[in-house]
Amino acid sequence: MRKALVCINTSLNSAEEVAQELRSCDEVKEIFLVHGVYDILAKVEGETLDDLTNVINRRIRSLSKVHSTLSLLLLEPKKSVGEKDVILV
């Protein structure tokens, strides 16, 4: 299973509408409305890298109120156990 975090910029005041559209996509596992450079952060999963790429390009980037995206492909998590139990991704 391949996973990615997709940072999404939307049209002004359209984040909630885009988030609603993303809810209908089975490959989108989590959606966060955020403040800052991006409006939405979505966790996306696909069986293969090609599946993941297709979801991002055809289901997310193609939405009319999505202006731009930044995709971060998640690698295997690493955990460093210490005083603060820091998780490095």
C-alpha atoms as a PDB file:
ATOM      1  CA  MET A   1       0.000   0.000   0.000  1.00  0.00           C
ATOM      2  CA  ARG A   2       1.383   3.400  -1.017  1.00  0.00           C
ATOM      3  CA  LYS A   3       0.460   6.536   0.916  1.00  0.00           C
ATOM      4  CA  ALA A   4       0.833  10.257   0.372  1.00  0.00           C
ATOM      5  CA  LEU A   5      -0.078  13.510   2.017  1.00  0.00           C
ATOM      6  CA  VAL A   6      -1.535  15.977  -0.472  1.00  0.00           C
ATOM      7  CA  CYS A   7      -1.465  19.679   0.398  1.00  0.00           C
ATOM      8  CA  ILE A   8      -4.229  21.461  -1.517  1.00  0.00           C
ATOM      9  CA  ASN A   9      -4.785  25.131  -2.396  1.00  0.00           C
ATOM     10  CA  THR A  10      -8.404  25.977  -3.214  1.00  0.00           C
ATOM     11  CA  SER A  11     -10.309  28.959  -4.560  1.00  0.00           C
ATOM     12  CA  LEU A  12     -11.144  31.591  -1.952  1.00  0.00           C
ATOM     13  CA  ASN A  13     -13.689  30.270   0.579  1.00  0.00           C
ATOM     14  CA  SER A  14     -13.949  26.906  -1.208  1.00  0.00           C
ATOM     15  CA  ALA A  15     -12.074  24.619   1.196  1.00  0.00           C
ATOM     16  CA  GLU A  16     -15.219  23.128   2.740  1.00  0.00           C
ATOM     17  CA  GLU A  17     -16.756  22.468  -0.672  1.00  0.00           C
ATOM     18  CA  VAL A  18     -13.578  20.763  -1.928  1.00  0.00           C
ATOM     19  CA  ALA A  19     -13.346  18.734   1.297  1.00  0.00           C
ATOM     20  CA  GLN A  20     -16.927  17.545   0.716  1.00  0.00           C
ATOM     21  CA  GLU A  21     -16.005  16.406  -2.797  1.00  0.00           C
ATOM     22  CA  LEU A  22     -12.930  14.597  -1.445  1.00  0.00           C
ATOM     23  CA  ARG A  23     -15.113  12.682   1.030  1.00  0.00           C
ATOM     24  CA  SER A  24     -16.641  10.762  -1.881  1.00  0.00           C
ATOM     25  CA  CYS A  25     -13.233   9.425  -2.952  1.00  0.00           C
ATOM     26  CA  ASP A  26     -12.528   6.061  -1.282  1.00  0.00           C
ATOM     27  CA  GLU A  27      -8.751   6.494  -1.614  1.00  0.00           C
ATOM     28  CA  VAL A  28      -8.817   9.676   0.488  1.00  0.00           C
ATOM     29  CA  LYS A  29      -8.545   8.339   4.039  1.00  0.00           C
ATOM     30  CA  GLU A  30      -8.294  11.562   6.078  1.00  0.00           C
ATOM     31  CA  ILE A  31      -9.048  15.213   5.362  1.00  0.00           C
ATOM     32  CA  PHE A  32      -7.864  18.168   7.439  1.00  0.00           C
ATOM     33  CA  LEU A  33      -8.847  21.797   6.917  1.00  0.00           C
ATOM     34  CA  VAL A  34      -5.752  23.838   7.774  1.00  0.00           C
ATOM     35  CA  HIS A  35      -4.634  27.452   7.978  1.00  0.00           C
ATOM     36  CA  GLY A  36      -1.456  28.601   6.300  1.00  0.00           C
ATOM     37  CA  VAL A  37      -0.033  28.179   2.826  1.00  0.00           C
ATOM     38  CA  TYR A  38      -2.508  25.372   2.028  1.00  0.00           C
ATOM     39  CA  ASP A  39      -6.226  25.018   2.744  1.00  0.00           C
ATOM     40  CA  ILE A  40      -6.570  21.227   2.948  1.00  0.00           C
ATOM     41  CA  LEU A  41      -4.281  18.344   3.866  1.00  0.00           C
ATOM     42  CA  ALA A  42      -5.470  14.945   2.617  1.00  0.00           C
ATOM     43  CA  LYS A  43      -4.034  11.516   3.366  1.00  0.00           C
ATOM     44  CA  VAL A  44      -4.387   9.364   0.247  1.00  0.00           C
ATOM     45  CA  GLU A  45      -3.762   5.635  -0.268  1.00  0.00           C
ATOM     46  CA  GLY A  46      -3.369   3.451  -3.359  1.00  0.00           C
ATOM     47  CA  GLU A  47      -2.336  -0.154  -3.959  1.00  0.00           C
ATOM     48  CA  THR A  48       0.545   0.890  -6.222  1.00  0.00           C
ATOM     49  CA  LEU A  49       2.403   4.094  -6.999  1.00  0.00           C
ATOM     50  CA  ASP A  50       0.488   4.284 -10.300  1.00  0.00           C
ATOM     51  CA  ASP A  51      -2.835   3.995  -8.450  1.00  0.00           C
ATOM     52  CA  LEU A  52      -1.770   6.733  -6.062  1.00  0.00           C
ATOM     53  CA  THR A  53      -0.660   8.991  -8.924  1.00  0.00           C
ATOM     54  CA  ASN A  54      -3.956   8.439 -10.745  1.00  0.00           C
ATOM     55  CA  VAL A  55      -5.982   9.382  -7.665  1.00  0.00           C
ATOM     56  CA  ILE A  56      -3.980  12.560  -7.151  1.00  0.00           C
ATOM     57  CA  ASN A  57      -4.042  13.609 -10.813  1.00  0.00           C
ATOM     58  CA  ARG A  58      -7.530  12.502 -11.852  1.00  0.00           C
ATOM     59  CA  ARG A  59      -9.579  12.793  -8.659  1.00  0.00           C
ATOM     60  CA  ILE A  60      -7.953  15.654  -6.736  1.00  0.00           C
ATOM     61  CA  ARG A  61      -6.143  17.950  -9.167  1.00  0.00           C
ATOM     62  CA  SER A  62      -9.037  17.813 -11.616  1.00  0.00           C
ATOM     63  CA  LEU A  63     -11.521  19.366  -9.159  1.00  0.00           C
ATOM     64  CA  SER A  64     -12.572  22.772 -10.491  1.00  0.00           C
ATOM     65  CA  LYS A  65     -11.861  24.695  -7.274  1.00  0.00           C
ATOM     66  CA  VAL A  66      -8.421  23.149  -6.669  1.00  0.00           C
ATOM     67  CA  HIS A  67      -5.729  25.636  -7.706  1.00  0.00           C
ATOM     68  CA  SER A  68      -2.596  23.683  -6.859  1.00  0.00           C
ATOM     69  CA  THR A  69      -1.310  20.709  -4.891  1.00  0.00           C
ATOM     70  CA  LEU A  70       1.900  19.506  -3.299  1.00  0.00           C
ATOM     71  CA  SER A  71       2.189  15.728  -2.893  1.00  0.00           C
ATOM     72  CA  LEU A  72       4.422  14.150  -0.270  1.00  0.00           C
ATOM     73  CA  LEU A  73       4.979  10.428  -0.787  1.00  0.00           C
ATOM     74  CA  LEU A  74       5.203   8.682   2.577  1.00  0.00           C
ATOM     75  CA  LEU A  75       8.021   6.196   3.115  1.00  0.00           C
ATOM     76  CA  GLU A  76       8.132   3.501   5.752  1.00  0.00           C
ATOM     77  CA  PRO A  77       7.904   5.109   9.194  1.00  0.00           C
ATOM     78  CA  LYS A  78      11.006   5.066  11.352  1.00  0.00           C
ATOM     79  CA  LYS A  79      10.894   5.446  15.089  1.00  0.00           C
ATOM     80  CA  SER A  80      13.695   6.672  17.277  1.00  0.00           C
ATOM     81  CA  VAL A  81      12.966   5.832  20.884  1.00  0.00           C
ATOM     82  CA  GLY A  82      14.428   8.214  23.398  1.00  0.00           C
ATOM     83  CA  GLU A  83      13.334  10.601  26.091  1.00  0.00           C
ATOM     84  CA  LYS A  84      10.697  12.170  23.841  1.00  0.00           C
ATOM     85  CA  ASP A  85       9.818   9.166  21.617  1.00  0.00           C
ATOM     86  CA  VAL A  86      10.383  11.127  18.430  1.00  0.00           C
ATOM     87  CA  ILE A  87       8.961   9.605  15.266  1.00  0.00           C
ATOM     88  CA  LEU A  88      10.961  10.407  12.124  1.00  0.00           C
ATOM     89  CA  VAL A  89       9.111  10.076   8.844  1.00  0.00           C
END
